Amino acid sequence: MPIVARMEELPNLGKKLVSVAGQEILLVNLKGTIYAVENECPHQGAPMTGALLKDTYLACPRHGYRFELKDGSCKEHPEFTLKTWPVRVENNEIIVDVA
């Protein structure tokens, strides 16, 4: 599993775009918990780098669809799910399991 970033590169409530195995993955730091989600909104493909981080979700910058960070679910539009990947932090290094 690749090391994709270091904790100091991702401040609290911050986002960082990384490329892993040819996929754009957005890392999000929510109060010390790191999440990894796809960088493309499943609704119409807007880049999630511009998404608003609020409470436990990301709101798409284009239409405001709200995706839960923990599982990518969207309560208002359950037919759309943002892809997520397992993350772990070891020795300040962020590791994403893309397998």
PDB file of N, CA and C in Angstrom:
ATOM      1  N   MET A   1       0.847  -1.180   0.000  1.00  0.00           N
ATOM      2  CA  MET A   1       0.000   0.000   0.000  1.00  0.00           C
ATOM      3  C   MET A   1       0.893   1.244   0.000  1.00  0.00           C
ATOM      4  N   PRO A   2       0.607   2.158  -0.907  1.00  0.00           N
ATOM      5  CA  PRO A   2       1.507   3.304  -1.053  1.00  0.00           C
ATOM      6  C   PRO A   2       1.330   4.382   0.018  1.00  0.00           C
ATOM      7  N   ILE A   3       2.461   4.960   0.385  1.00  0.00           N
ATOM      8  CA  ILE A   3       2.455   6.161   1.224  1.00  0.00           C
ATOM      9  C   ILE A   3       2.149   7.314   0.267  1.00  0.00           C
ATOM     10  N   VAL A   4       1.084   8.077   0.545  1.00  0.00           N
ATOM     11  CA  VAL A   4       0.657   9.104  -0.406  1.00  0.00           C
ATOM     12  C   VAL A   4       0.958  10.522   0.063  1.00  0.00           C
ATOM     13  N   ALA A   5       1.164  10.687   1.377  1.00  0.00           N
ATOM     14  CA  ALA A   5       1.449  12.023   1.920  1.00  0.00           C
ATOM     15  C   ALA A   5       1.900  11.871   3.355  1.00  0.00           C
ATOM     16  N   ARG A   6       2.320  12.996   3.943  1.00  0.00           N
ATOM     17  CA  ARG A   6       2.682  13.033   5.357  1.00  0.00           C
ATOM     18  C   ARG A   6       1.657  13.912   6.075  1.00  0.00           C
ATOM     19  N   MET A   7       1.424  13.632   7.342  1.00  0.00           N
ATOM     20  CA  MET A   7       0.418  14.361   8.113  1.00  0.00           C
ATOM     21  C   MET A   7       0.637  15.875   8.074  1.00  0.00           C
ATOM     22  N   GLU A   8       1.895  16.324   8.093  1.00  0.00           N
ATOM     23  CA  GLU A   8       2.150  17.768   8.107  1.00  0.00           C
ATOM     24  C   GLU A   8       1.749  18.447   6.793  1.00  0.00           C
ATOM     25  N   GLU A   9       1.519  17.668   5.731  1.00  0.00           N
ATOM     26  CA  GLU A   9       1.074  18.229   4.451  1.00  0.00           C
ATOM     27  C   GLU A   9      -0.437  18.460   4.426  1.00  0.00           C
ATOM     28  N   LEU A  10      -1.122  17.984   5.457  1.00  0.00           N
ATOM     29  CA  LEU A  10      -2.584  18.011   5.456  1.00  0.00           C
ATOM     30  C   LEU A  10      -3.086  18.596   6.776  1.00  0.00           C
ATOM     31  N   PRO A  11      -3.209  19.929   6.849  1.00  0.00           N
ATOM     32  CA  PRO A  11      -3.636  20.556   8.103  1.00  0.00           C
ATOM     33  C   PRO A  11      -5.079  20.185   8.458  1.00  0.00           C
ATOM     34  N   ASN A  12      -5.448  20.387   9.715  1.00  0.00           N
ATOM     35  CA  ASN A  12      -6.809  20.126  10.153  1.00  0.00           C
ATOM     36  C   ASN A  12      -7.802  20.860   9.252  1.00  0.00           C
ATOM     37  N   LEU A  13      -8.837  20.149   8.825  1.00  0.00           N
ATOM     38  CA  LEU A  13      -9.871  20.638   7.913  1.00  0.00           C
ATOM     39  C   LEU A  13      -9.324  20.940   6.521  1.00  0.00           C
ATOM     40  N   GLY A  14      -8.139  20.415   6.224  1.00  0.00           N
ATOM     41  CA  GLY A  14      -7.517  20.630   4.921  1.00  0.00           C
ATOM     42  C   GLY A  14      -7.786  19.491   3.961  1.00  0.00           C
ATOM     43  N   LYS A  15      -7.487  19.758   2.666  1.00  0.00           N
ATOM     44  CA  LYS A  15      -7.639  18.760   1.612  1.00  0.00           C
ATOM     45  C   LYS A  15      -6.338  18.731   0.806  1.00  0.00           C
ATOM     46  N   LYS A  16      -6.036  17.579   0.250  1.00  0.00           N
ATOM     47  CA  LYS A  16      -4.851  17.446  -0.609  1.00  0.00           C
ATOM     48  C   LYS A  16      -5.167  16.427  -1.694  1.00  0.00           C
ATOM     49  N   LEU A  17      -4.911  16.799  -2.940  1.00  0.00           N
ATOM     50  CA  LEU A  17      -5.124  15.899  -4.067  1.00  0.00           C
ATOM     51  C   LEU A  17      -3.849  15.105  -4.322  1.00  0.00           C
ATOM     52  N   VAL A  18      -3.992  13.774  -4.412  1.00  0.00           N
ATOM     53  CA  VAL A  18      -2.862  12.904  -4.711  1.00  0.00           C
ATOM     54  C   VAL A  18      -3.264  11.966  -5.845  1.00  0.00           C
ATOM     55  N   SER A  19      -2.268  11.400  -6.492  1.00  0.00           N
ATOM     56  CA  SER A  19      -2.522  10.421  -7.547  1.00  0.00           C
ATOM     57  C   SER A  19      -1.977   9.083  -7.076  1.00  0.00           C
ATOM     58  N   VAL A  20      -2.836   8.070  -7.077  1.00  0.00           N
ATOM     59  CA  VAL A  20      -2.450   6.733  -6.633  1.00  0.00           C
ATOM     60  C   VAL A  20      -2.894   5.742  -7.699  1.00  0.00           C
ATOM     61  N   ALA A  21      -1.947   4.995  -8.235  1.00  0.00           N
ATOM     62  CA  ALA A  21      -2.243   3.983  -9.257  1.00  0.00           C
ATOM     63  C   ALA A  21      -3.101   4.573 -10.386  1.00  0.00           C
ATOM     64  N   GLY A  22      -2.784   5.796 -10.800  1.00  0.00           N
ATOM     65  CA  GLY A  22      -3.488   6.431 -11.901  1.00  0.00           C
ATOM     66  C   GLY A  22      -4.842   7.031 -11.536  1.00  0.00           C
ATOM     67  N   GLN A  23      -5.194   7.005 -10.251  1.00  0.00           N
ATOM     68  CA  GLN A  23      -6.470   7.563  -9.810  1.00  0.00           C
ATOM     69  C   GLN A  23      -6.235   8.832  -8.998  1.00  0.00           C
ATOM     70  N   GLU A  24      -7.074   9.848  -9.248  1.00  0.00           N
ATOM     71  CA  GLU A  24      -7.005  11.058  -8.428  1.00  0.00           C
ATOM     72  C   GLU A  24      -7.795  10.809  -7.143  1.00  0.00           C
ATOM     73  N   ILE A  25      -7.113  10.945  -6.014  1.00  0.00           N
ATOM     74  CA  ILE A  25      -7.731  10.717  -4.711  1.00  0.00           C
ATOM     75  C   ILE A  25      -7.575  11.980  -3.885  1.00  0.00           C
ATOM     76  N   LEU A  26      -8.673  12.386  -3.266  1.00  0.00           N
ATOM     77  CA  LEU A  26      -8.664  13.562  -2.412  1.00  0.00           C
ATOM     78  C   LEU A  26      -8.560  13.119  -0.959  1.00  0.00           C
ATOM     79  N   LEU A  27      -7.504  13.576  -0.293  1.00  0.00           N
ATOM     80  CA  LEU A  27      -7.343  13.314   1.137  1.00  0.00           C
ATOM     81  C   LEU A  27      -7.983  14.461   1.902  1.00  0.00           C
ATOM     82  N   VAL A  28      -8.669  14.127   2.980  1.00  0.00           N
ATOM     83  CA  VAL A  28      -9.333  15.133   3.806  1.00  0.00           C
ATOM     84  C   VAL A  28      -8.977  14.866   5.264  1.00  0.00           C
ATOM     85  N   ASN A  29      -8.547  15.916   5.972  1.00  0.00           N
ATOM     86  CA  ASN A  29      -8.224  15.803   7.387  1.00  0.00           C
ATOM     87  C   ASN A  29      -9.365  16.431   8.183  1.00  0.00           C
ATOM     88  N   LEU A  30     -10.140  15.587   8.844  1.00  0.00           N
ATOM     89  CA  LEU A  30     -11.234  16.061   9.684  1.00  0.00           C
ATOM     90  C   LEU A  30     -10.860  15.820  11.136  1.00  0.00           C
ATOM     91  N   LYS A  31     -10.298  16.852  11.758  1.00  0.00           N
ATOM     92  CA  LYS A  31      -9.915  16.813  13.172  1.00  0.00           C
ATOM     93  C   LYS A  31      -9.013  15.625  13.502  1.00  0.00           C
ATOM     94  N   GLY A  32      -8.033  15.378  12.622  1.00  0.00           N
ATOM     95  CA  GLY A  32      -7.044  14.332  12.873  1.00  0.00           C
ATOM     96  C   GLY A  32      -7.381  12.985  12.270  1.00  0.00           C
ATOM     97  N   THR A  33      -8.597  12.808  11.761  1.00  0.00           N
ATOM     98  CA  THR A  33      -8.957  11.578  11.049  1.00  0.00           C
ATOM     99  C   THR A  33      -8.829  11.856   9.560  1.00  0.00           C
ATOM    100  N   ILE A  34      -8.090  10.985   8.870  1.00  0.00           N
ATOM    101  CA  ILE A  34      -7.848  11.182   7.446  1.00  0.00           C
ATOM    102  C   ILE A  34      -8.802  10.301   6.647  1.00  0.00           C
ATOM    103  N   TYR A  35      -9.421  10.901   5.644  1.00  0.00           N
ATOM    104  CA  TYR A  35     -10.309  10.183   4.738  1.00  0.00           C
ATOM    105  C   TYR A  35      -9.752  10.282   3.329  1.00  0.00           C
ATOM    106  N   ALA A  36     -10.018   9.267   2.509  1.00  0.00           N
ATOM    107  CA  ALA A  36      -9.610   9.263   1.102  1.00  0.00           C
ATOM    108  C   ALA A  36     -10.855   9.024   0.254  1.00  0.00           C
ATOM    109  N   VAL A  37     -11.150   9.980  -0.646  1.00  0.00           N
ATOM    110  CA  VAL A  37     -12.331   9.877  -1.502  1.00  0.00           C
ATOM    111  C   VAL A  37     -11.950  10.196  -2.946  1.00  0.00           C
ATOM    112  N   GLU A  38     -12.795   9.759  -3.870  1.00  0.00           N
ATOM    113  CA  GLU A  38     -12.520  10.086  -5.270  1.00  0.00           C
ATOM    114  C   GLU A  38     -12.669  11.590  -5.463  1.00  0.00           C
ATOM    115  N   ASN A  39     -11.934  12.119  -6.443  1.00  0.00           N
ATOM    116  CA  ASN A  39     -11.945  13.562  -6.674  1.00  0.00           C
ATOM    117  C   ASN A  39     -13.015  13.982  -7.671  1.00  0.00           C
ATOM    118  N   GLU A  40     -13.897  13.072  -8.052  1.00  0.00           N
ATOM    119  CA  GLU A  40     -14.915  13.407  -9.037  1.00  0.00           C
ATOM    120  C   GLU A  40     -16.293  13.111  -8.462  1.00  0.00           C
ATOM    121  N   CYS A  41     -17.149  14.122  -8.416  1.00  0.00           N
ATOM    122  CA  CYS A  41     -18.505  13.926  -7.918  1.00  0.00           C
ATOM    123  C   CYS A  41     -19.222  12.898  -8.803  1.00  0.00           C
ATOM    124  N   PRO A  42     -19.854  11.879  -8.200  1.00  0.00           N
ATOM    125  CA  PRO A  42     -20.531  10.859  -9.009  1.00  0.00           C
ATOM    126  C   PRO A  42     -21.791  11.386  -9.714  1.00  0.00           C
ATOM    127  N   HIS A  43     -22.232  12.585  -9.370  1.00  0.00           N
ATOM    128  CA  HIS A  43     -23.422  13.154 -10.010  1.00  0.00           C
ATOM    129  C   HIS A  43     -23.091  13.675 -11.403  1.00  0.00           C
ATOM    130  N   GLN A  44     -22.204  14.678 -11.495  1.00  0.00           N
ATOM    131  CA  GLN A  44     -21.857  15.221 -12.812  1.00  0.00           C
ATOM    132  C   GLN A  44     -20.366  15.471 -12.994  1.00  0.00           C
ATOM    133  N   GLY A  45     -19.544  14.848 -12.159  1.00  0.00           N
ATOM    134  CA  GLY A  45     -18.109  14.885 -12.375  1.00  0.00           C
ATOM    135  C   GLY A  45     -17.367  16.127 -11.913  1.00  0.00           C
ATOM    136  N   ALA A  46     -17.996  16.976 -11.118  1.00  0.00           N
ATOM    137  CA  ALA A  46     -17.303  18.179 -10.631  1.00  0.00           C
ATOM    138  C   ALA A  46     -16.117  17.763  -9.754  1.00  0.00           C
ATOM    139  N   PRO A  47     -14.987  18.483  -9.828  1.00  0.00           N
ATOM    140  CA  PRO A  47     -13.845  18.156  -8.977  1.00  0.00           C
ATOM    141  C   PRO A  47     -14.156  18.449  -7.511  1.00  0.00           C
ATOM    142  N   MET A  48     -13.928  17.455  -6.666  1.00  0.00           N
ATOM    143  CA  MET A  48     -14.232  17.592  -5.250  1.00  0.00           C
ATOM    144  C   MET A  48     -13.170  18.401  -4.501  1.00  0.00           C
ATOM    145  N   THR A  49     -12.094  18.787  -5.189  1.00  0.00           N
ATOM    146  CA  THR A  49     -11.104  19.663  -4.546  1.00  0.00           C
ATOM    147  C   THR A  49     -11.752  20.968  -4.125  1.00  0.00           C
ATOM    148  N   GLY A  50     -12.804  21.396  -4.838  1.00  0.00           N
ATOM    149  CA  GLY A  50     -13.506  22.630  -4.510  1.00  0.00           C
ATOM    150  C   GLY A  50     -14.661  22.428  -3.541  1.00  0.00           C
ATOM    151  N   ALA A  51     -14.828  21.205  -3.035  1.00  0.00           N
ATOM    152  CA  ALA A  51     -15.951  20.898  -2.147  1.00  0.00           C
ATOM    153  C   ALA A  51     -15.796  21.596  -0.801  1.00  0.00           C
ATOM    154  N   LEU A  52     -16.926  21.913  -0.198  1.00  0.00           N
ATOM    155  CA  LEU A  52     -16.961  22.516   1.127  1.00  0.00           C
ATOM    156  C   LEU A  52     -16.983  21.415   2.170  1.00  0.00           C
ATOM    157  N   LEU A  53     -16.065  21.478   3.136  1.00  0.00           N
ATOM    158  CA  LEU A  53     -16.017  20.512   4.226  1.00  0.00           C
ATOM    159  C   LEU A  53     -16.848  21.051   5.377  1.00  0.00           C
ATOM    160  N   LYS A  54     -17.870  20.302   5.773  1.00  0.00           N
ATOM    161  CA  LYS A  54     -18.745  20.743   6.854  1.00  0.00           C
ATOM    162  C   LYS A  54     -19.127  19.529   7.689  1.00  0.00           C
ATOM    163  N   ASP A  55     -19.067  19.664   9.000  1.00  0.00           N
ATOM    164  CA  ASP A  55     -19.399  18.562   9.904  1.00  0.00           C
ATOM    165  C   ASP A  55     -18.667  17.288   9.476  1.00  0.00           C
ATOM    166  N   THR A  56     -19.400  16.280   8.996  1.00  0.00           N
ATOM    167  CA  THR A  56     -18.773  15.007   8.611  1.00  0.00           C
ATOM    168  C   THR A  56     -18.904  14.732   7.121  1.00  0.00           C
ATOM    169  N   TYR A  57     -19.167  15.778   6.332  1.00  0.00           N
ATOM    170  CA  TYR A  57     -19.374  15.540   4.905  1.00  0.00           C
ATOM    171  C   TYR A  57     -18.674  16.587   4.037  1.00  0.00           C
ATOM    172  N   LEU A  58     -18.563  16.240   2.748  1.00  0.00           N
ATOM    173  CA  LEU A  58     -18.095  17.160   1.712  1.00  0.00           C
ATOM    174  C   LEU A  58     -19.303  17.534   0.869  1.00  0.00           C
ATOM    175  N   ALA A  59     -19.480  18.827   0.599  1.00  0.00           N
ATOM    176  CA  ALA A  59     -20.569  19.286  -0.263  1.00  0.00           C
ATOM    177  C   ALA A  59     -19.991  19.635  -1.632  1.00  0.00           C
ATOM    178  N   CYS A  60     -20.489  18.986  -2.660  1.00  0.00           N
ATOM    179  CA  CYS A  60     -20.011  19.209  -4.024  1.00  0.00           C
ATOM    180  C   CYS A  60     -20.126  20.686  -4.389  1.00  0.00           C
ATOM    181  N   PRO A  61     -19.089  21.257  -5.022  1.00  0.00           N
ATOM    182  CA  PRO A  61     -19.122  22.678  -5.353  1.00  0.00           C
ATOM    183  C   PRO A  61     -20.137  23.028  -6.444  1.00  0.00           C
ATOM    184  N   ARG A  62     -20.568  22.055  -7.233  1.00  0.00           N
ATOM    185  CA  ARG A  62     -21.461  22.355  -8.353  1.00  0.00           C
ATOM    186  C   ARG A  62     -22.934  22.393  -7.942  1.00  0.00           C
ATOM    187  N   HIS A  63     -23.419  21.343  -7.287  1.00  0.00           N
ATOM    188  CA  HIS A  63     -24.844  21.270  -6.943  1.00  0.00           C
ATOM    189  C   HIS A  63     -25.091  21.060  -5.453  1.00  0.00           C
ATOM    190  N   GLY A  64     -24.041  21.013  -4.654  1.00  0.00           N
ATOM    191  CA  GLY A  64     -24.211  20.916  -3.207  1.00  0.00           C
ATOM    192  C   GLY A  64     -24.560  19.544  -2.670  1.00  0.00           C
ATOM    193  N   TYR A  65     -24.461  18.487  -3.485  1.00  0.00           N
ATOM    194  CA  TYR A  65     -24.711  17.144  -2.966  1.00  0.00           C
ATOM    195  C   TYR A  65     -23.748  16.894  -1.817  1.00  0.00           C
ATOM    196  N   ARG A  66     -24.256  16.366  -0.699  1.00  0.00           N
ATOM    197  CA  ARG A  66     -23.442  16.171   0.501  1.00  0.00           C
ATOM    198  C   ARG A  66     -23.089  14.696   0.675  1.00  0.00           C
ATOM    199  N   PHE A  67     -21.790  14.423   0.630  1.00  0.00           N
ATOM    200  CA  PHE A  67     -21.290  13.054   0.733  1.00  0.00           C
ATOM    201  C   PHE A  67     -20.594  12.855   2.078  1.00  0.00           C
ATOM    202  N   GLU A  68     -21.025  11.822   2.820  1.00  0.00           N
ATOM    203  CA  GLU A  68     -20.404  11.485   4.100  1.00  0.00           C
ATOM    204  C   GLU A  68     -18.974  11.012   3.855  1.00  0.00           C
ATOM    205  N   LEU A  69     -18.042  11.530   4.643  1.00  0.00           N
ATOM    206  CA  LEU A  69     -16.641  11.156   4.470  1.00  0.00           C
ATOM    207  C   LEU A  69     -16.395   9.683   4.791  1.00  0.00           C
ATOM    208  N   LYS A  70     -17.101   9.159   5.803  1.00  0.00           N
ATOM    209  CA  LYS A  70     -16.794   7.795   6.253  1.00  0.00           C
ATOM    210  C   LYS A  70     -17.144   6.721   5.228  1.00  0.00           C
ATOM    211  N   ASP A  71     -18.205   6.935   4.433  1.00  0.00           N
ATOM    212  CA  ASP A  71     -18.607   5.884   3.495  1.00  0.00           C
ATOM    213  C   ASP A  71     -19.038   6.396   2.111  1.00  0.00           C
ATOM    214  N   GLY A  72     -18.997   7.704   1.898  1.00  0.00           N
ATOM    215  CA  GLY A  72     -19.333   8.267   0.599  1.00  0.00           C
ATOM    216  C   GLY A  72     -20.823   8.371   0.311  1.00  0.00           C
ATOM    217  N   SER A  73     -21.660   8.018   1.281  1.00  0.00           N
ATOM    218  CA  SER A  73     -23.104   8.032   1.046  1.00  0.00           C
ATOM    219  C   SER A  73     -23.640   9.461   0.950  1.00  0.00           C
ATOM    220  N   CYS A  74     -24.766   9.581   0.244  1.00  0.00           N
ATOM    221  CA  CYS A  74     -25.441  10.868   0.062  1.00  0.00           C
ATOM    222  C   CYS A  74     -26.902  10.664   0.462  1.00  0.00           C
ATOM    223  N   LYS A  75     -27.283  11.190   1.644  1.00  0.00           N
ATOM    224  CA  LYS A  75     -28.642  10.969   2.159  1.00  0.00           C
ATOM    225  C   LYS A  75     -29.724  11.503   1.220  1.00  0.00           C
ATOM    226  N   GLU A  76     -29.527  12.702   0.679  1.00  0.00           N
ATOM    227  CA  GLU A  76     -30.542  13.328  -0.168  1.00  0.00           C
ATOM    228  C   GLU A  76     -30.678  12.637  -1.526  1.00  0.00           C
ATOM    229  N   HIS A  77     -29.595  12.041  -2.007  1.00  0.00           N
ATOM    230  CA  HIS A  77     -29.578  11.376  -3.318  1.00  0.00           C
ATOM    231  C   HIS A  77     -28.861  10.036  -3.174  1.00  0.00           C
ATOM    232  N   PRO A  78     -29.528   9.028  -2.583  1.00  0.00           N
ATOM    233  CA  PRO A  78     -28.861   7.743  -2.292  1.00  0.00           C
ATOM    234  C   PRO A  78     -28.371   6.996  -3.525  1.00  0.00           C
ATOM    235  N   GLU A  79     -28.833   7.409  -4.706  1.00  0.00           N
ATOM    236  CA  GLU A  79     -28.363   6.742  -5.927  1.00  0.00           C
ATOM    237  C   GLU A  79     -26.922   7.124  -6.272  1.00  0.00           C
ATOM    238  N   PHE A  80     -26.386   8.149  -5.601  1.00  0.00           N
ATOM    239  CA  PHE A  80     -25.010   8.582  -5.843  1.00  0.00           C
ATOM    240  C   PHE A  80     -24.158   8.312  -4.601  1.00  0.00           C
ATOM    241  N   THR A  81     -23.024   7.658  -4.810  1.00  0.00           N
ATOM    242  CA  THR A  81     -22.092   7.377  -3.720  1.00  0.00           C
ATOM    243  C   THR A  81     -20.691   7.777  -4.165  1.00  0.00           C
ATOM    244  N   LEU A  82     -20.031   8.540  -3.324  1.00  0.00           N
ATOM    245  CA  LEU A  82     -18.650   8.939  -3.580  1.00  0.00           C
ATOM    246  C   LEU A  82     -17.747   7.785  -3.159  1.00  0.00           C
ATOM    247  N   LYS A  83     -16.875   7.339  -4.055  1.00  0.00           N
ATOM    248  CA  LYS A  83     -15.985   6.218  -3.741  1.00  0.00           C
ATOM    249  C   LYS A  83     -15.010   6.631  -2.639  1.00  0.00           C
ATOM    250  N   THR A  84     -14.794   5.714  -1.692  1.00  0.00           N
ATOM    251  CA  THR A  84     -13.856   5.947  -0.586  1.00  0.00           C
ATOM    252  C   THR A  84     -12.860   4.800  -0.513  1.00  0.00           C
ATOM    253  N   TRP A  85     -11.719   5.053   0.123  1.00  0.00           N
ATOM    254  CA  TRP A  85     -10.699   4.027   0.319  1.00  0.00           C
ATOM    255  C   TRP A  85     -10.273   4.008   1.780  1.00  0.00           C
ATOM    256  N   PRO A  86      -9.887   2.838   2.276  1.00  0.00           N
ATOM    257  CA  PRO A  86      -9.360   2.764   3.647  1.00  0.00           C
ATOM    258  C   PRO A  86      -8.033   3.515   3.758  1.00  0.00           C
ATOM    259  N   VAL A  87      -7.848   4.174   4.894  1.00  0.00           N
ATOM    260  CA  VAL A  87      -6.644   4.964   5.155  1.00  0.00           C
ATOM    261  C   VAL A  87      -6.090   4.546   6.513  1.00  0.00           C
ATOM    262  N   ARG A  88      -4.779   4.530   6.610  1.00  0.00           N
ATOM    263  CA  ARG A  88      -4.169   4.402   7.931  1.00  0.00           C
ATOM    264  C   ARG A  88      -2.959   5.322   7.992  1.00  0.00           C
ATOM    265  N   VAL A  89      -2.615   5.717   9.204  1.00  0.00           N
ATOM    266  CA  VAL A  89      -1.476   6.601   9.414  1.00  0.00           C
ATOM    267  C   VAL A  89      -0.459   5.853  10.266  1.00  0.00           C
ATOM    268  N   GLU A  90       0.767   5.773   9.765  1.00  0.00           N
ATOM    269  CA  GLU A  90       1.863   5.126  10.484  1.00  0.00           C
ATOM    270  C   GLU A  90       3.065   6.055  10.452  1.00  0.00           C
ATOM    271  N   ASN A  91       3.621   6.356  11.615  1.00  0.00           N
ATOM    272  CA  ASN A  91       4.792   7.225  11.693  1.00  0.00           C
ATOM    273  C   ASN A  91       4.591   8.529  10.919  1.00  0.00           C
ATOM    274  N   ASN A  92       3.400   9.116  11.045  1.00  0.00           N
ATOM    275  CA  ASN A  92       3.059  10.386  10.384  1.00  0.00           C
ATOM    276  C   ASN A  92       2.909  10.252   8.867  1.00  0.00           C
ATOM    277  N   GLU A  93       2.920   9.041   8.336  1.00  0.00           N
ATOM    278  CA  GLU A  93       2.760   8.835   6.904  1.00  0.00           C
ATOM    279  C   GLU A  93       1.334   8.329   6.614  1.00  0.00           C
ATOM    280  N   ILE A  94       0.705   8.931   5.618  1.00  0.00           N
ATOM    281  CA  ILE A  94      -0.657   8.571   5.242  1.00  0.00           C
ATOM    282  C   ILE A  94      -0.597   7.497   4.170  1.00  0.00           C
ATOM    283  N   ILE A  95      -1.244   6.367   4.431  1.00  0.00           N
ATOM    284  CA  ILE A  95      -1.233   5.206   3.533  1.00  0.00           C
ATOM    285  C   ILE A  95      -2.666   4.932   3.101  1.00  0.00           C
ATOM    286  N   VAL A  96      -2.886   4.837   1.783  1.00  0.00           N
ATOM    287  CA  VAL A  96      -4.222   4.566   1.236  1.00  0.00           C
ATOM    288  C   VAL A  96      -4.213   3.181   0.594  1.00  0.00           C
ATOM    289  N   ASP A  97      -5.195   2.371   0.963  1.00  0.00           N
ATOM    290  CA  ASP A  97      -5.338   1.015   0.402  1.00  0.00           C
ATOM    291  C   ASP A  97      -6.231   1.084  -0.820  1.00  0.00           C
ATOM    292  N   VAL A  98      -5.614   1.139  -2.013  1.00  0.00           N
ATOM    293  CA  VAL A  98      -6.387   1.246  -3.247  1.00  0.00           C
ATOM    294  C   VAL A  98      -6.722  -0.110  -3.833  1.00  0.00           C
ATOM    295  N   ALA A  99      -6.275  -1.183  -3.200  1.00  0.00           N
ATOM    296  CA  ALA A  99      -6.519  -2.545  -3.731  1.00  0.00           C
ATOM    297  C   ALA A  99      -7.989  -2.913  -3.643  1.00  0.00           C
TER     298      ALA A  99
END
